[in-house]
């Protein structure tokens, strides 16, 4: 045998041939799905990369890490202004006063002061005075109506305290303001009407009235009035539009007018 044939035999022994294996061109191509990756797997891989790449940068008490950049910082010189401060100037003129502000809330009361010394005794005052007023008057003559109003004048004085009732004018004059009580009593005339007014100054207050009758009877009227100083209270007979009258005679007093102070204004 030649030397070349010996090398061929050695090569064949070291590399046995597999005649049942198909050739390379007839092998199956790899499954294309092997290189395919599900989209969910990509998202999970991205999240894993974010978790791996996350680092602490904003924890409390720590400053975020400096980011290196290519920007160049300029150095700004600092000037101490106090070295350039000039001398103090003169005081200027005082400006105008501003508008007054709103009033604040009232503060709490302050502490009580020290008790002062006792003062001197004053002058003695006037003695206590009790004011009162009362009257009672009567008339013995009858009176019949006329063409005008007639003031009822009385001719008999029963009580006239301090002379507050004027017998000449037939009027009571108030000198002590307060609440007063008044009463009027008359006797009617047969077959004639009885028509009188109790007057407060020039205002009719109450009426005393009786229709014509065959019998003559007693009629009365009473009232209370609040009077001021200078007020007048009196009685008048109605004028002659109606035939009216009141009866009396020279022997007895059929007509009376009374009044007294109930309570003075100073006590109300």
Protein backbone atom coordinates (compact mmCIF):
# COMPACT_ATOMS: atom_id res chain seq x y z
CA UNK A 1 0.00 0.00 0.00
CA UNK A 2 1.06 3.43 -0.67
CA UNK A 3 1.46 6.15 1.91
CA UNK A 4 -1.53 8.13 0.57
CA UNK A 5 -3.94 5.27 0.95
CA UNK A 6 -2.85 4.79 4.54
CA UNK A 7 -3.81 8.43 5.37
CA UNK A 8 -7.24 7.97 3.81
CA UNK A 9 -7.94 4.88 5.92
CA UNK A 10 -6.96 6.68 9.09
CA UNK A 11 -9.26 9.58 8.25
CA UNK A 12 -12.20 7.32 7.59
CA UNK A 13 -11.74 5.50 10.89
CA UNK A 14 -11.67 8.72 12.87
CA UNK A 15 -14.86 10.20 11.18
CA UNK A 16 -17.50 7.48 10.71
CA UNK A 17 -20.14 8.28 8.17
CA UNK A 18 -23.97 8.26 8.96
CA UNK A 19 -25.61 7.17 5.76
CA UNK A 20 -29.15 7.36 7.27
CA UNK A 21 -28.87 11.15 8.00
CA UNK A 22 -30.49 13.30 5.29
CA UNK A 23 -28.47 15.87 3.54
CA UNK A 24 -28.32 19.47 4.84
CA UNK A 25 -30.66 20.81 2.17
CA UNK A 26 -33.35 18.27 3.11
CA UNK A 27 -33.37 19.16 6.85
CA UNK A 28 -36.40 20.92 8.29
CA UNK A 29 -36.10 24.67 8.61
CA UNK A 30 -36.21 25.94 12.15
CA UNK A 31 -39.65 26.93 13.53
CA UNK A 32 -40.09 30.59 12.93
CA UNK A 33 -42.17 30.84 16.14
CA UNK A 34 -38.97 30.20 18.14
CA UNK A 35 -37.78 33.75 17.52
CA UNK A 36 -41.22 35.26 18.17
CA UNK A 37 -41.85 36.82 21.63
CA UNK A 38 -45.34 37.59 23.00
CA UNK A 39 -46.09 41.32 23.54
CA UNK A 40 -46.83 40.69 27.21
CA UNK A 41 -43.32 39.25 27.57
CA UNK A 42 -41.90 42.46 26.10
CA UNK A 43 -43.87 44.58 28.64
CA UNK A 44 -42.67 42.41 31.51
CA UNK A 45 -39.08 42.68 30.30
CA UNK A 46 -39.45 46.49 30.07
CA UNK A 47 -40.81 46.64 33.64
CA UNK A 48 -37.93 44.49 34.87
CA UNK A 49 -35.46 46.83 33.13
CA UNK A 50 -37.19 49.89 34.74
CA UNK A 51 -37.02 48.29 38.18
CA UNK A 52 -33.37 47.45 37.65
CA UNK A 53 -32.63 50.94 36.38
CA UNK A 54 -34.70 52.85 39.17
CA UNK A 55 -32.52 54.46 41.74
CA UNK A 56 -33.30 56.67 44.75
CA UNK A 57 -32.94 60.33 43.97
CA UNK A 58 -35.64 62.28 45.87
CA UNK A 59 -35.64 60.86 49.38
CA UNK A 60 -36.29 63.41 52.16
CA UNK A 61 -33.18 65.16 53.35
CA UNK A 62 -31.20 64.22 50.24
CA UNK A 63 -30.50 66.28 47.21
CA UNK A 64 -31.00 64.76 43.78
CA UNK A 65 -27.77 63.68 42.13
CA UNK A 66 -26.15 66.26 39.96
CA UNK A 67 -26.61 65.68 36.30
CA UNK A 68 -23.55 66.19 34.31
CA UNK A 69 -24.03 68.38 31.31
CA UNK A 70 -21.88 69.97 28.83
CA UNK A 71 -23.17 73.47 29.70
CA UNK A 72 -20.52 75.77 31.05
CA UNK A 73 -21.37 77.94 34.07
CA UNK A 74 -20.32 81.58 34.18
CA UNK A 75 -18.82 83.05 37.30
CA UNK A 76 -20.74 86.24 38.41
CA UNK A 77 -18.74 88.55 40.65
CA UNK A 78 -20.42 89.61 43.95
CA UNK A 79 -20.09 93.26 44.96
CA UNK A 80 -20.42 94.24 48.63
CA UNK A 81 -22.82 97.23 48.52
CA UNK A 82 -21.90 98.27 52.07
CA UNK A 83 -18.49 99.29 50.81
CA UNK A 84 -20.20 101.71 48.37
CA UNK A 85 -22.70 103.19 50.94
CA UNK A 86 -22.55 106.97 51.18
CA UNK A 87 -22.95 109.31 54.13
CA UNK A 88 -26.30 109.62 55.97
CA UNK A 89 -28.49 112.40 54.59
CA UNK A 90 -30.56 115.05 56.37
CA UNK A 91 -34.00 114.25 57.84
CA UNK A 92 -36.81 115.04 55.40
CA UNK A 93 -40.02 116.95 56.05
CA UNK A 94 -42.83 115.19 57.89
CA UNK A 95 -45.50 113.79 55.61
CA UNK A 96 -49.26 114.25 55.83
CA UNK A 97 -51.31 112.22 58.27
CA UNK A 98 -53.04 109.23 56.75
CA UNK A 99 -56.73 108.44 56.96
CA UNK A 100 -58.07 107.20 60.26
CA UNK A 101 -58.50 103.46 60.43
CA UNK A 102 -61.61 101.62 61.47
CA UNK A 103 -62.51 101.57 65.12
CA UNK A 104 -61.46 98.38 66.79
CA UNK A 105 -63.50 96.23 69.08
CA UNK A 106 -64.05 97.34 72.64
CA UNK A 107 -61.49 95.87 74.93
CA UNK A 108 -62.19 94.16 78.22
CA UNK A 109 -62.91 96.41 81.23
CA UNK A 110 -59.90 97.45 83.18
CA UNK A 111 -59.33 96.72 86.84
CA UNK A 112 -61.29 98.73 89.39
CA UNK A 113 -59.63 101.81 90.75
CA UNK A 114 -58.83 102.64 94.32
CA UNK A 115 -61.77 103.92 96.36
CA UNK A 116 -61.69 107.68 96.69
CA UNK A 117 -61.97 109.74 99.82
CA UNK A 118 -65.33 110.79 101.22
CA UNK A 119 -66.62 114.14 99.96
CA UNK A 120 -67.86 117.08 101.99
CA UNK A 121 -71.45 117.40 103.16
CA UNK A 122 -73.72 119.29 100.75
CA UNK A 123 -76.21 122.05 101.45
CA UNK A 124 -79.53 121.09 103.06
CA UNK A 125 -82.33 120.52 100.58
CA UNK A 126 -85.88 121.83 100.55
CA UNK A 127 -88.42 120.12 102.80
CA UNK A 128 -90.55 117.42 101.20
CA UNK A 129 -93.77 118.79 99.67
CA UNK A 130 -96.89 116.77 98.93
CA UNK A 131 -99.04 118.25 96.16
CA UNK A 132 -102.76 117.61 95.90
CA UNK A 133 -105.85 119.09 94.27
CA UNK A 134 -109.57 118.67 95.00
CA UNK A 135 -112.78 120.62 94.52
CA UNK A 136 -116.56 120.23 94.85
CA UNK A 137 -118.97 122.97 93.74
CA UNK A 138 -122.78 123.26 93.43
CA UNK A 139 -125.44 125.34 91.68
CA UNK A 140 -128.84 126.38 93.01
CA UNK A 141 -130.25 127.99 89.85
CA UNK A 142 -131.61 126.19 86.83
CA UNK A 143 -130.34 126.91 83.32
CA UNK A 144 -132.08 126.81 79.94
CA UNK A 145 -130.54 126.76 76.45
CA UNK A 146 -129.82 129.88 74.43
CA UNK A 147 -128.58 130.72 70.93
CA UNK A 148 -124.98 129.98 71.99
CA UNK A 149 -123.13 127.56 74.21
CA UNK A 150 -123.27 128.46 77.90
CA UNK A 151 -120.56 127.69 80.46
CA UNK A 152 -122.05 126.18 83.59
CA UNK A 153 -121.10 128.52 86.45
CA UNK A 154 -121.51 127.41 90.08
CA UNK A 155 -122.58 129.58 93.01
CA UNK A 156 -121.77 127.36 95.97
CA UNK A 157 -118.28 126.28 96.97
CA UNK A 158 -118.15 123.02 98.95
CA UNK A 159 -114.43 122.19 98.66
CA UNK A 160 -111.83 124.18 96.76
CA UNK A 161 -108.34 123.09 97.85
CA UNK A 162 -105.71 125.76 97.07
CA UNK A 163 -108.37 127.62 95.02
CA UNK A 164 -107.71 125.63 91.83
CA UNK A 165 -111.39 125.96 90.80
CA UNK A 166 -112.33 129.47 89.64
CA UNK A 167 -115.88 130.26 90.79
CA UNK A 168 -116.11 133.29 88.48
CA UNK A 169 -115.26 131.45 85.21
CA UNK A 170 -116.71 128.07 86.28
CA UNK A 171 -113.46 126.26 85.25
CA UNK A 172 -110.92 124.05 87.04
CA UNK A 173 -107.29 124.99 86.34
CA UNK A 174 -104.62 122.32 86.65
CA UNK A 175 -101.57 123.32 88.71
CA UNK A 176 -100.41 119.79 89.58
CA UNK A 177 -100.04 117.55 86.48
CA UNK A 178 -101.31 114.03 86.88
CA UNK A 179 -104.37 111.77 86.74
CA UNK A 180 -107.69 113.35 87.85
CA UNK A 181 -111.17 112.02 88.52
CA UNK A 182 -114.27 114.15 87.69
CA UNK A 183 -118.01 113.66 88.18
CA UNK A 184 -121.04 115.72 87.12
CA UNK A 185 -124.57 115.42 88.58
CA UNK A 186 -127.64 117.30 87.26
CA UNK A 187 -131.44 117.20 87.55
CA UNK A 188 -133.52 117.07 84.34
CA UNK A 189 -136.38 119.45 83.55
CA UNK A 190 -139.88 118.11 82.77
CA UNK A 191 -140.69 117.90 79.05
CA UNK A 192 -137.23 119.22 78.15
CA UNK A 193 -134.07 117.61 76.83
CA UNK A 194 -130.89 117.56 78.90
CA UNK A 195 -127.68 117.97 76.87
CA UNK A 196 -124.33 118.92 78.40
CA UNK A 197 -120.62 118.34 77.64
CA UNK A 198 -117.67 117.93 80.00
CA UNK A 199 -114.87 119.88 78.29
CA UNK A 200 -111.07 119.42 78.38
CA UNK A 201 -109.75 122.80 77.23
CA UNK A 202 -111.81 123.34 74.02
CA UNK A 203 -112.44 119.65 73.29
CA UNK A 204 -115.65 117.77 74.17
CA UNK A 205 -114.72 114.70 76.23
CA UNK A 206 -117.99 113.13 77.44
CA UNK A 207 -121.67 113.95 77.17
CA UNK A 208 -124.45 113.91 79.74
CA UNK A 209 -127.77 113.38 77.97
CA UNK A 210 -131.42 112.66 78.84
CA UNK A 211 -134.46 112.60 76.54
CA UNK A 212 -137.58 114.69 77.27
CA UNK A 213 -139.85 113.02 79.82
CA UNK A 214 -142.84 113.75 82.06
CA UNK A 215 -140.64 112.94 85.04
CA UNK A 216 -137.58 114.82 86.18
CA UNK A 217 -134.74 112.57 87.30
CA UNK A 218 -131.12 112.82 88.45
CA UNK A 219 -128.44 112.14 85.82
CA UNK A 220 -124.69 111.69 86.37
CA UNK A 221 -121.49 111.30 84.39
CA UNK A 222 -117.94 110.52 85.55
CA UNK A 223 -114.51 110.20 83.94
CA UNK A 224 -110.73 110.32 84.47
CA UNK A 225 -108.34 112.62 82.62
CA UNK A 226 -104.58 113.00 82.44
CA UNK A 227 -103.90 116.72 82.75
CA UNK A 228 -100.83 118.86 82.20
CA UNK A 229 -100.06 122.12 83.92
CA UNK A 230 -102.41 124.89 82.65
CA UNK A 231 -105.16 122.54 81.35
CA UNK A 232 -108.81 123.48 81.99
CA UNK A 233 -111.83 121.31 82.74
CA UNK A 234 -115.37 122.76 82.67
CA UNK A 235 -119.03 122.05 81.74
CA UNK A 236 -121.14 123.68 79.01
CA UNK A 237 -124.83 123.55 78.03
CA UNK A 238 -125.65 122.85 74.40
CA UNK A 239 -126.91 125.81 72.32
CA UNK A 240 -130.53 126.53 71.30
CA UNK A 241 -130.82 124.15 68.31
CA UNK A 242 -132.60 121.96 70.83
CA UNK A 243 -134.68 123.09 73.77
CA UNK A 244 -132.76 121.68 76.68
CA UNK A 245 -132.32 122.67 80.30
CA UNK A 246 -131.28 121.57 83.79
CA UNK A 247 -133.40 122.10 86.89
CA UNK A 248 -132.55 123.50 90.36
CA UNK A 249 -134.07 125.87 92.94
CA UNK A 250 -132.94 128.27 95.66
CA UNK A 251 -133.59 125.83 98.48
CA UNK A 252 -131.59 122.77 97.38
CA UNK A 253 -128.50 122.11 95.24
CA UNK A 254 -129.42 119.77 92.38
CA UNK A 255 -126.34 120.40 90.27
CA UNK A 256 -122.81 119.45 91.45
CA UNK A 257 -119.38 119.21 89.83
CA UNK A 258 -116.49 117.42 91.58
CA UNK A 259 -112.87 116.55 90.87
CA UNK A 260 -109.67 115.48 92.64
CA UNK A 261 -106.11 114.37 91.88
CA UNK A 262 -105.58 110.59 91.92
CA UNK A 263 -101.81 110.54 91.32
CA UNK A 264 -99.39 113.27 90.35
CA UNK A 265 -97.23 113.00 87.26
CA UNK A 266 -94.05 113.00 89.35
CA UNK A 267 -95.15 109.71 90.94
CA UNK A 268 -96.04 107.92 87.69
